[in-house]
C-alpha cells in the first residue's frame, strides 16, 4: 500500500507537497505555492496570509503512516515552534488512516513572516508539505476574522467534535442593504394586507483591501461559506443561494480583489 497524506482544502491554511516532481510549465492550482503560479506577463507580487498573535492556528490532515510532526519555521528555515499534534476522533476514515489536528501558539512568537512545515513518515518514505507564508503581527488593520465550523463532517474535515477553524483576510463589509421577504394578500376592494414579513440585512464582503489577494484566498473563502456556521468578527453570516465571488482585477495582475454577497444569519 502506498503512503498517503490527505490535506483538506477546507483548512484555513494552504499546504503543498515538497515531494512532487512537477513536469509542467504551469503547475496545478493545488500543487504549488502562489509564487510559482505567477505568469511571466503578470506583475510579480508577494502575498503572506495574515494571522494576529491572538488568532488560533489550527489545521487537520489524515495519513496512513507515521511518525507525524509539524514546525513553524522562519525565513532561515530555523524552527521557532513545534506544533501540538492530536489524534482527531472519527470513524469516517478507512481503517488504515488516522486523522490529526495540529495547532500553534502564535502569542509567544515575535512578529514576522513564517512558514509551516508538515513532516509525515521518516527516511526515504518521508513526505514534507509547506504552507504559504504567514505574516504574524499584533494587529492587522482592515482585516476580518472568519470563524467557521459545520454540523457534520464535510469535504475531508472532521467537525464531529466541535472542531473550529479561523481564517483572517483583508476585507470589509460594505454596501449595506436592508430587505424583507413579504407575504401580502389582496382583499376584495383591492387593498393590500400584510400577512407576514421577514426582515433581513445584506452586505457585500469586499476582499483584498485595494492591493488584492491570490486566487487561493478566494478559493478558501468560497469553501468556508459552504459550512453551515460562519462568523465574521463574531457575527454569523450566510452566503445567499446563488451568490458567487466576483473578481475585480485584470489578468496582468497576480492579485485580485473580490466581492461576495452575504446575509446576516441572525438579524
Protein backbone atom coordinates (compact mmCIF):
# COMPACT_ATOMS: atom_id res chain seq x y z
CA UNK A 1 0.00 0.00 0.00
CA UNK A 2 1.29 3.45 -0.91
CA UNK A 3 1.93 6.02 1.80
CA UNK A 4 -0.75 8.71 1.51
CA UNK A 5 -1.38 12.03 3.25
CA UNK A 6 -4.61 13.95 2.68
CA UNK A 7 -4.73 17.67 3.49
CA UNK A 8 -8.30 19.02 3.06
CA UNK A 9 -8.71 22.25 1.11
CA UNK A 10 -11.25 23.41 3.71
CA UNK A 11 -8.38 24.02 6.12
CA UNK A 12 -7.65 27.65 6.98
CA UNK A 13 -4.14 27.37 5.52
CA UNK A 14 -2.80 26.08 2.22
CA UNK A 15 -0.16 23.34 2.32
CA UNK A 16 1.53 21.86 -0.75
CA UNK A 17 3.76 18.82 -1.08
CA UNK A 18 7.50 19.36 -1.42
CA UNK A 19 7.94 15.82 -2.76
CA UNK A 20 6.14 16.27 -6.05
CA UNK A 21 8.16 16.31 -9.26
CA UNK A 22 6.26 18.77 -11.44
CA UNK A 23 6.82 18.37 -15.17
CA UNK A 24 4.50 21.14 -16.30
CA UNK A 25 5.31 24.76 -17.14
CA UNK A 26 2.16 25.89 -15.34
CA UNK A 27 1.81 23.96 -12.04
CA UNK A 28 -1.63 22.82 -10.95
CA UNK A 29 -3.51 25.08 -8.53
CA UNK A 30 -3.25 22.74 -5.51
CA UNK A 31 0.27 21.50 -6.17
CA UNK A 32 2.38 24.65 -5.90
CA UNK A 33 2.74 27.84 -3.90
CA UNK A 34 1.38 31.15 -5.15
CA UNK A 35 4.85 32.48 -6.02
CA UNK A 36 5.28 29.64 -8.51
CA UNK A 37 1.93 30.29 -10.21
CA UNK A 38 2.65 33.84 -11.40
CA UNK A 39 2.96 34.02 -15.18
CA UNK A 40 5.72 35.92 -16.96
CA UNK A 41 3.28 38.55 -18.23
CA UNK A 42 1.98 39.26 -14.72
CA UNK A 43 3.42 41.73 -12.23
CA UNK A 44 5.46 39.83 -9.66
CA UNK A 45 3.91 40.30 -6.24
CA UNK A 46 4.22 38.50 -2.94
CA UNK A 47 1.48 37.66 -0.50
CA UNK A 48 1.52 36.45 3.10
CA UNK A 49 -1.52 35.08 4.88
CA UNK A 50 -2.47 37.24 7.86
CA UNK A 51 -2.56 35.99 11.45
CA UNK A 52 -2.76 38.11 14.58
CA UNK A 53 -0.93 36.77 17.60
CA UNK A 54 -4.22 36.05 19.36
CA UNK A 55 -5.64 34.08 16.40
CA UNK A 56 -5.83 30.29 16.81
CA UNK A 57 -3.83 28.48 14.11
CA UNK A 58 -5.29 25.00 13.65
CA UNK A 59 -5.43 22.63 10.70
CA UNK A 60 -6.25 18.96 10.01
CA UNK A 61 -4.90 16.19 7.84
CA UNK A 62 -5.03 12.42 7.72
CA UNK A 63 -2.47 9.81 6.78
CA UNK A 64 -1.96 6.06 6.65
CA UNK A 65 1.60 6.17 8.00
CA UNK A 66 3.68 7.88 10.69
CA UNK A 67 5.51 9.47 12.54
CA UNK A 68 3.91 12.93 12.40
CA UNK A 69 5.35 16.36 13.22
CA UNK A 70 4.90 19.98 12.19
CA UNK A 71 7.07 23.04 12.75
CA UNK A 72 6.79 26.78 12.34
CA UNK A 73 9.95 27.97 10.60
CA UNK A 74 11.41 31.41 9.87
CA UNK A 75 12.97 32.77 6.67
CA UNK A 76 16.24 30.99 7.53
CA UNK A 77 14.47 27.62 7.76
CA UNK A 78 15.02 27.64 11.54
CA UNK A 79 12.25 26.11 13.64
CA UNK A 80 10.68 28.54 16.11
CA UNK A 81 7.90 26.28 17.43
CA UNK A 82 6.74 22.66 17.24
CA UNK A 83 3.05 22.08 16.65
CA UNK A 84 0.84 20.37 19.18
CA UNK A 85 -0.38 17.28 17.31
CA UNK A 86 -3.53 15.46 18.46
CA UNK A 87 -5.43 12.49 17.06
CA UNK A 88 -8.92 13.54 15.95
CA UNK A 89 -11.64 11.08 16.95
CA UNK A 90 -13.62 9.82 13.97
CA UNK A 91 -14.95 6.65 12.38
CA UNK A 92 -15.37 8.23 8.95
CA UNK A 93 -11.94 7.26 7.59
CA UNK A 94 -10.74 3.92 6.23
CA UNK A 95 -9.27 1.66 8.98
CA UNK A 96 -5.65 2.30 7.95
CA UNK A 97 -5.96 6.09 8.18
CA UNK A 98 -5.65 8.36 11.23
CA UNK A 99 -6.93 11.95 11.40
CA UNK A 100 -4.72 14.54 13.09
CA UNK A 101 -5.13 18.10 14.27
CA UNK A 102 -2.15 20.47 14.50
CA UNK A 103 -2.08 23.77 16.35
CA UNK A 104 0.43 26.53 17.07
CA UNK A 105 0.51 29.19 19.79
CA UNK A 106 1.29 32.41 17.93
CA UNK A 107 1.08 34.58 21.06
CA UNK A 108 4.59 33.59 22.15
CA UNK A 109 6.49 34.19 18.91
CA UNK A 110 7.85 37.52 17.60
CA UNK A 111 6.10 39.38 14.81
CA UNK A 112 7.37 38.33 11.41
CA UNK A 113 6.91 36.03 8.43
CA UNK A 114 6.88 32.27 8.93
CA UNK A 115 6.04 29.02 7.15
CA UNK A 116 4.56 25.77 8.40
CA UNK A 117 6.32 22.54 7.51
CA UNK A 118 4.50 19.26 7.97
CA UNK A 119 6.52 16.03 8.17
CA UNK A 120 4.92 12.58 7.77
CA UNK A 121 6.99 9.39 7.87
CA UNK A 122 10.76 9.17 8.05
CA UNK A 123 13.75 8.19 5.96
CA UNK A 124 13.15 7.58 2.26
CA UNK A 125 9.38 7.46 2.79
CA UNK A 126 9.14 10.89 4.47
CA UNK A 127 6.67 13.31 2.91
CA UNK A 128 7.02 17.04 3.56
CA UNK A 129 4.44 19.76 2.94
CA UNK A 130 4.97 23.51 3.25
CA UNK A 131 2.47 26.33 3.70
CA UNK A 132 2.13 29.67 2.02
CA UNK A 133 3.97 32.38 4.01
CA UNK A 134 2.24 33.52 7.20
CA UNK A 135 2.60 37.07 8.47
CA UNK A 136 2.19 37.21 12.26
CA UNK A 137 1.53 40.57 13.89
CA UNK A 138 -0.10 42.03 16.98
CA UNK A 139 -2.62 43.78 14.73
CA UNK A 140 -3.55 43.58 11.06
CA UNK A 141 -5.64 46.64 10.24
CA UNK A 142 -8.62 46.35 7.90
CA UNK A 143 -8.97 42.60 8.28
CA UNK A 144 -11.90 40.36 9.19
CA UNK A 145 -11.59 37.13 11.18
CA UNK A 146 -13.70 34.28 9.79
CA UNK A 147 -14.53 31.60 12.36
CA UNK A 148 -16.17 28.52 10.92
CA UNK A 149 -17.44 25.07 11.79
CA UNK A 150 -20.05 22.64 10.48
CA UNK A 151 -22.76 20.44 11.94
CA UNK A 152 -21.30 17.32 10.29
CA UNK A 153 -18.03 16.12 8.79
CA UNK A 154 -17.55 17.64 5.34
CA UNK A 155 -15.04 17.75 2.50
CA UNK A 156 -12.44 15.68 4.32
CA UNK A 157 -12.58 17.74 7.53
CA UNK A 158 -13.69 16.29 10.87
CA UNK A 159 -16.23 18.52 12.64
CA UNK A 160 -17.95 15.92 14.83
CA UNK A 161 -16.02 17.00 17.97
CA UNK A 162 -16.91 20.71 17.56
CA UNK A 163 -13.69 21.43 15.68
CA UNK A 164 -13.45 25.12 14.71
CA UNK A 165 -11.17 26.94 12.26
CA UNK A 166 -10.05 30.57 11.95
CA UNK A 167 -9.13 32.49 8.79
CA UNK A 168 -8.13 36.17 8.67
CA UNK A 169 -8.22 38.20 5.47
CA UNK A 170 -8.10 41.83 4.33
CA UNK A 171 -11.79 42.57 3.93
CA UNK A 172 -14.67 44.90 4.73
CA UNK A 173 -18.45 44.64 4.83
CA UNK A 174 -19.81 47.41 2.58
CA UNK A 175 -22.95 48.40 0.64
CA UNK A 176 -25.40 47.61 3.41
CA UNK A 177 -28.86 46.74 2.08
CA UNK A 178 -31.89 46.09 4.34
CA UNK A 179 -34.62 43.94 2.88
CA UNK A 180 -37.62 41.77 3.62
CA UNK A 181 -39.49 38.72 2.37
CA UNK A 182 -43.17 39.68 2.47
CA UNK A 183 -46.39 37.73 2.20
CA UNK A 184 -49.19 40.07 1.12
CA UNK A 185 -52.87 39.39 0.41
CA UNK A 186 -55.32 41.49 -1.57
CA UNK A 187 -58.84 41.87 -0.19
CA UNK A 188 -61.99 42.29 -2.25
CA UNK A 189 -61.77 46.10 -2.62
CA UNK A 190 -58.19 45.70 -3.79
CA UNK A 191 -56.46 46.73 -0.58
CA UNK A 192 -53.14 45.06 0.22
CA UNK A 193 -52.89 43.39 3.60
CA UNK A 194 -49.51 42.34 5.06
CA UNK A 195 -49.74 38.77 6.36
CA UNK A 196 -46.09 38.37 7.35
CA UNK A 197 -42.73 39.98 6.80
CA UNK A 198 -39.26 38.55 7.42
CA UNK A 199 -36.59 41.22 7.76
CA UNK A 200 -33.01 40.60 6.63
CA UNK A 201 -29.83 42.57 6.11
CA UNK A 202 -27.24 42.01 3.41
CA UNK A 203 -23.78 43.35 2.71
CA UNK A 204 -21.13 42.87 0.09
CA UNK A 205 -18.00 41.33 1.54
CA UNK A 206 -15.14 43.10 -0.24
CA UNK A 207 -11.88 41.14 -0.12
CA UNK A 208 -8.40 42.35 -0.92
CA UNK A 209 -8.14 45.90 0.51
CA UNK A 210 -7.09 47.51 -2.77
CA UNK A 211 -3.91 45.50 -3.31
CA UNK A 212 -5.81 42.25 -3.88
CA UNK A 213 -5.26 38.65 -2.81
CA UNK A 214 -4.15 35.47 -4.63
CA UNK A 215 -6.73 33.15 -6.14
CA UNK A 216 -6.14 30.57 -3.41
CA UNK A 217 -7.51 33.02 -0.83
CA UNK A 218 -10.75 33.36 -2.82
CA UNK A 219 -10.88 29.57 -3.08
CA UNK A 220 -10.63 29.30 0.72
CA UNK A 221 -13.41 31.83 1.26
CA UNK A 222 -15.94 30.16 -1.00
CA UNK A 223 -15.15 26.82 0.68
CA UNK A 224 -15.56 28.38 4.13
CA UNK A 225 -19.03 29.64 3.19
CA UNK A 226 -20.03 26.08 2.31
CA UNK A 227 -20.07 25.46 6.08
CA UNK A 228 -23.32 25.97 7.97
CA UNK A 229 -21.84 28.24 10.64
CA UNK A 230 -19.57 31.10 9.58
CA UNK A 231 -18.88 34.08 11.85
CA UNK A 232 -17.32 37.33 10.61
CA UNK A 233 -15.81 39.21 13.54
CA UNK A 234 -18.11 37.27 15.86
CA UNK A 235 -21.38 37.70 13.90
CA UNK A 236 -22.92 34.86 11.89
CA UNK A 237 -23.41 35.34 8.13
CA UNK A 238 -24.57 33.12 5.27
CA UNK A 239 -23.98 33.21 1.54
CA UNK A 240 -27.42 33.57 -0.10
CA UNK A 241 -28.44 30.95 -2.63
CA UNK A 242 -26.83 31.74 -5.98
CA UNK A 243 -24.33 34.21 -4.55
CA UNK A 244 -20.85 33.85 -6.02
CA UNK A 245 -17.48 35.52 -5.74
CA UNK A 246 -16.98 38.26 -8.33
CA UNK A 247 -13.45 39.19 -9.35
CA UNK A 248 -12.28 42.81 -9.58
CA UNK A 249 -8.96 42.85 -11.41
CA UNK A 250 -7.25 42.05 -14.68
CA UNK A 251 -5.17 39.15 -15.94
CA UNK A 252 -1.96 41.19 -15.79
CA UNK A 253 -2.05 41.17 -12.00
CA UNK A 254 -1.46 38.05 -9.94
CA UNK A 255 -3.56 39.58 -7.15
CA UNK A 256 -7.24 40.47 -7.43
CA UNK A 257 -10.00 41.98 -5.37
CA UNK A 258 -13.19 40.01 -4.84
CA UNK A 259 -16.70 40.62 -3.56
CA UNK A 260 -19.40 38.30 -2.26
CA UNK A 261 -22.99 38.93 -1.18
CA UNK A 262 -23.53 37.81 2.41
CA UNK A 263 -26.58 37.91 4.63
CA UNK A 264 -26.70 38.26 8.38
CA UNK A 265 -27.96 34.94 9.74
CA UNK A 266 -29.45 36.31 12.97
CA UNK A 267 -30.62 39.89 12.32
